[in-house]
Amino acid sequence: MDDSAVDLSDVPEVRDWSGALVGRFYRPIKEPVTLRLDADVVRWFGAQRPGYQTRINRLLRAVMGDIRRHRGREADARPPRRIPAADVGRTKRPIEK
């Protein structure tokens, strides 16, 4: 049967894919990277079970999704925020007087 012969009139068109599950049918292309992580973080993920890189990727994807939901998709186009080296690892900035 040719594609043009298929009647799709009773199938609603999906316009909002924001609730779609990534990885269920779509597999994004993986890009090998070198990432420096704290040794205890790598040990913790690695000790859980095989597939720790996949779990780290899923965690980062979830954080990315949260940021997109809170800031909107335009956050993807913004340049990354620069964090002063002195502030890396701090949970809160000191109150300036």
C-alpha atoms as a PDB file:
ATOM      1  CA  MET A   1       0.000   0.000   0.000  1.00  0.00           C
ATOM      2  CA  ASP A   2       1.308   3.441  -0.900  1.00  0.00           C
ATOM      3  CA  ASP A   3       1.624   6.053   1.890  1.00  0.00           C
ATOM      4  CA  SER A   4      -0.713   8.427   0.061  1.00  0.00           C
ATOM      5  CA  ALA A   5      -3.472   5.779   0.187  1.00  0.00           C
ATOM      6  CA  VAL A   6      -3.548   5.708   4.015  1.00  0.00           C
ATOM      7  CA  ASP A   7      -6.537   7.565   5.506  1.00  0.00           C
ATOM      8  CA  LEU A   8      -5.388   9.584   8.520  1.00  0.00           C
ATOM      9  CA  SER A   9      -8.533  11.705   8.872  1.00  0.00           C
ATOM     10  CA  ASP A  10      -9.555  10.038  12.171  1.00  0.00           C
ATOM     11  CA  VAL A  11      -6.081  10.339  13.750  1.00  0.00           C
ATOM     12  CA  PRO A  12      -5.499  13.608  15.633  1.00  0.00           C
ATOM     13  CA  GLU A  13      -2.278  15.438  14.826  1.00  0.00           C
ATOM     14  CA  VAL A  14       0.064  15.685  17.817  1.00  0.00           C
ATOM     15  CA  ARG A  15       1.442  19.216  18.086  1.00  0.00           C
ATOM     16  CA  ASP A  16       2.714  19.223  21.675  1.00  0.00           C
ATOM     17  CA  TRP A  17       5.487  16.693  22.253  1.00  0.00           C
ATOM     18  CA  SER A  18       6.614  18.148  25.602  1.00  0.00           C
ATOM     19  CA  GLY A  19       5.282  15.112  27.493  1.00  0.00           C
ATOM     20  CA  ALA A  20       6.935  12.578  25.193  1.00  0.00           C
ATOM     21  CA  LEU A  21       9.285  10.067  26.767  1.00  0.00           C
ATOM     22  CA  VAL A  22      12.769  10.470  25.337  1.00  0.00           C
ATOM     23  CA  GLY A  23      14.381   7.125  24.691  1.00  0.00           C
ATOM     24  CA  ARG A  24      11.173   5.145  24.285  1.00  0.00           C
ATOM     25  CA  PHE A  25      11.200   5.317  20.488  1.00  0.00           C
ATOM     26  CA  TYR A  26      13.785   8.015  19.822  1.00  0.00           C
ATOM     27  CA  ARG A  27      17.431   7.501  20.652  1.00  0.00           C
ATOM     28  CA  PRO A  28      19.505  10.708  20.534  1.00  0.00           C
ATOM     29  CA  ILE A  29      22.950  10.484  19.011  1.00  0.00           C
ATOM     30  CA  LYS A  30      25.572  10.001  21.693  1.00  0.00           C
ATOM     31  CA  GLU A  31      28.652  12.184  21.663  1.00  0.00           C
ATOM     32  CA  PRO A  32      31.794  10.959  23.402  1.00  0.00           C
ATOM     33  CA  VAL A  33      33.102  13.583  25.805  1.00  0.00           C
ATOM     34  CA  THR A  34      35.694  13.848  28.518  1.00  0.00           C
ATOM     35  CA  LEU A  35      34.053  14.958  31.732  1.00  0.00           C
ATOM     36  CA  ARG A  36      35.878  15.518  34.989  1.00  0.00           C
ATOM     37  CA  LEU A  37      33.796  14.358  37.940  1.00  0.00           C
ATOM     38  CA  ASP A  38      34.652  13.969  41.590  1.00  0.00           C
ATOM     39  CA  ALA A  39      36.048  10.499  42.281  1.00  0.00           C
ATOM     40  CA  ASP A  40      33.457   9.730  44.956  1.00  0.00           C
ATOM     41  CA  VAL A  41      30.626  10.591  42.537  1.00  0.00           C
ATOM     42  CA  VAL A  42      32.007   8.208  39.902  1.00  0.00           C
ATOM     43  CA  ARG A  43      32.498   5.468  42.525  1.00  0.00           C
ATOM     44  CA  TRP A  44      28.939   5.915  43.803  1.00  0.00           C
ATOM     45  CA  PHE A  45      27.352   5.717  40.347  1.00  0.00           C
ATOM     46  CA  GLY A  46      29.663   2.883  39.290  1.00  0.00           C
ATOM     47  CA  ALA A  47      28.934   0.827  42.413  1.00  0.00           C
ATOM     48  CA  GLN A  48      25.161   0.862  41.867  1.00  0.00           C
ATOM     49  CA  ARG A  49      25.081  -1.545  38.925  1.00  0.00           C
ATOM     50  CA  PRO A  50      26.267  -1.631  35.321  1.00  0.00           C
ATOM     51  CA  GLY A  51      25.130   1.297  33.177  1.00  0.00           C
ATOM     52  CA  TYR A  52      26.308   4.166  35.358  1.00  0.00           C
ATOM     53  CA  GLN A  53      26.993   6.389  32.340  1.00  0.00           C
ATOM     54  CA  THR A  54      23.392   5.943  31.199  1.00  0.00           C
ATOM     55  CA  ARG A  55      22.144   6.856  34.686  1.00  0.00           C
ATOM     56  CA  ILE A  56      24.331   9.981  34.760  1.00  0.00           C
ATOM     57  CA  ASN A  57      22.979  10.929  31.312  1.00  0.00           C
ATOM     58  CA  ARG A  58      19.366  10.418  32.486  1.00  0.00           C
ATOM     59  CA  LEU A  59      20.001  12.540  35.564  1.00  0.00           C
ATOM     60  CA  LEU A  60      21.503  15.350  33.475  1.00  0.00           C
ATOM     61  CA  ARG A  61      18.587  15.112  31.002  1.00  0.00           C
ATOM     62  CA  ALA A  62      16.101  15.407  33.890  1.00  0.00           C
ATOM     63  CA  VAL A  63      17.885  18.519  35.186  1.00  0.00           C
ATOM     64  CA  MET A  64      17.909  19.944  31.662  1.00  0.00           C
ATOM     65  CA  GLY A  65      14.152  19.320  31.412  1.00  0.00           C
ATOM     66  CA  ASP A  66      13.531  21.028  34.749  1.00  0.00           C
ATOM     67  CA  ILE A  67      15.503  24.077  33.650  1.00  0.00           C
ATOM     68  CA  ARG A  68      13.618  24.207  30.357  1.00  0.00           C
ATOM     69  CA  ARG A  69      10.268  24.029  32.153  1.00  0.00           C
ATOM     70  CA  HIS A  70      11.209  26.811  34.572  1.00  0.00           C
ATOM     71  CA  ARG A  71      13.031  29.140  32.172  1.00  0.00           C
ATOM     72  CA  GLY A  72      11.401  28.166  28.903  1.00  0.00           C
ATOM     73  CA  ARG A  73      13.038  26.870  25.763  1.00  0.00           C
ATOM     74  CA  GLU A  74      14.863  30.156  25.216  1.00  0.00           C
ATOM     75  CA  ALA A  75      17.282  28.999  27.927  1.00  0.00           C
ATOM     76  CA  ASP A  76      18.850  26.752  25.253  1.00  0.00           C
ATOM     77  CA  ALA A  77      19.882  29.803  23.229  1.00  0.00           C
ATOM     78  CA  ARG A  78      21.398  31.716  26.138  1.00  0.00           C
ATOM     79  CA  PRO A  79      25.132  31.584  26.685  1.00  0.00           C
ATOM     80  CA  PRO A  80      26.085  29.584  29.778  1.00  0.00           C
ATOM     81  CA  ARG A  81      26.200  31.547  33.004  1.00  0.00           C
ATOM     82  CA  ARG A  82      29.738  32.105  34.209  1.00  0.00           C
ATOM     83  CA  ILE A  83      30.321  31.085  37.810  1.00  0.00           C
ATOM     84  CA  PRO A  84      33.338  32.680  39.499  1.00  0.00           C
ATOM     85  CA  ALA A  85      35.858  30.035  40.539  1.00  0.00           C
ATOM     86  CA  ALA A  86      35.527  31.143  44.174  1.00  0.00           C
ATOM     87  CA  ASP A  87      31.798  30.286  44.088  1.00  0.00           C
ATOM     88  CA  VAL A  88      32.080  26.800  42.608  1.00  0.00           C
ATOM     89  CA  GLY A  89      30.702  24.296  45.088  1.00  0.00           C
ATOM     90  CA  ARG A  90      28.927  26.874  47.256  1.00  0.00           C
ATOM     91  CA  THR A  91      25.239  26.366  47.824  1.00  0.00           C
ATOM     92  CA  LYS A  92      24.500  30.017  48.579  1.00  0.00           C
ATOM     93  CA  ARG A  93      26.261  33.259  47.839  1.00  0.00           C
ATOM     94  CA  PRO A  94      27.401  35.273  50.848  1.00  0.00           C
ATOM     95  CA  ILE A  95      25.274  38.284  51.661  1.00  0.00           C
ATOM     96  CA  GLU A  96      27.018  41.433  50.504  1.00  0.00           C
ATOM     97  CA  LYS A  97      26.843  44.455  52.788  1.00  0.00           C
END
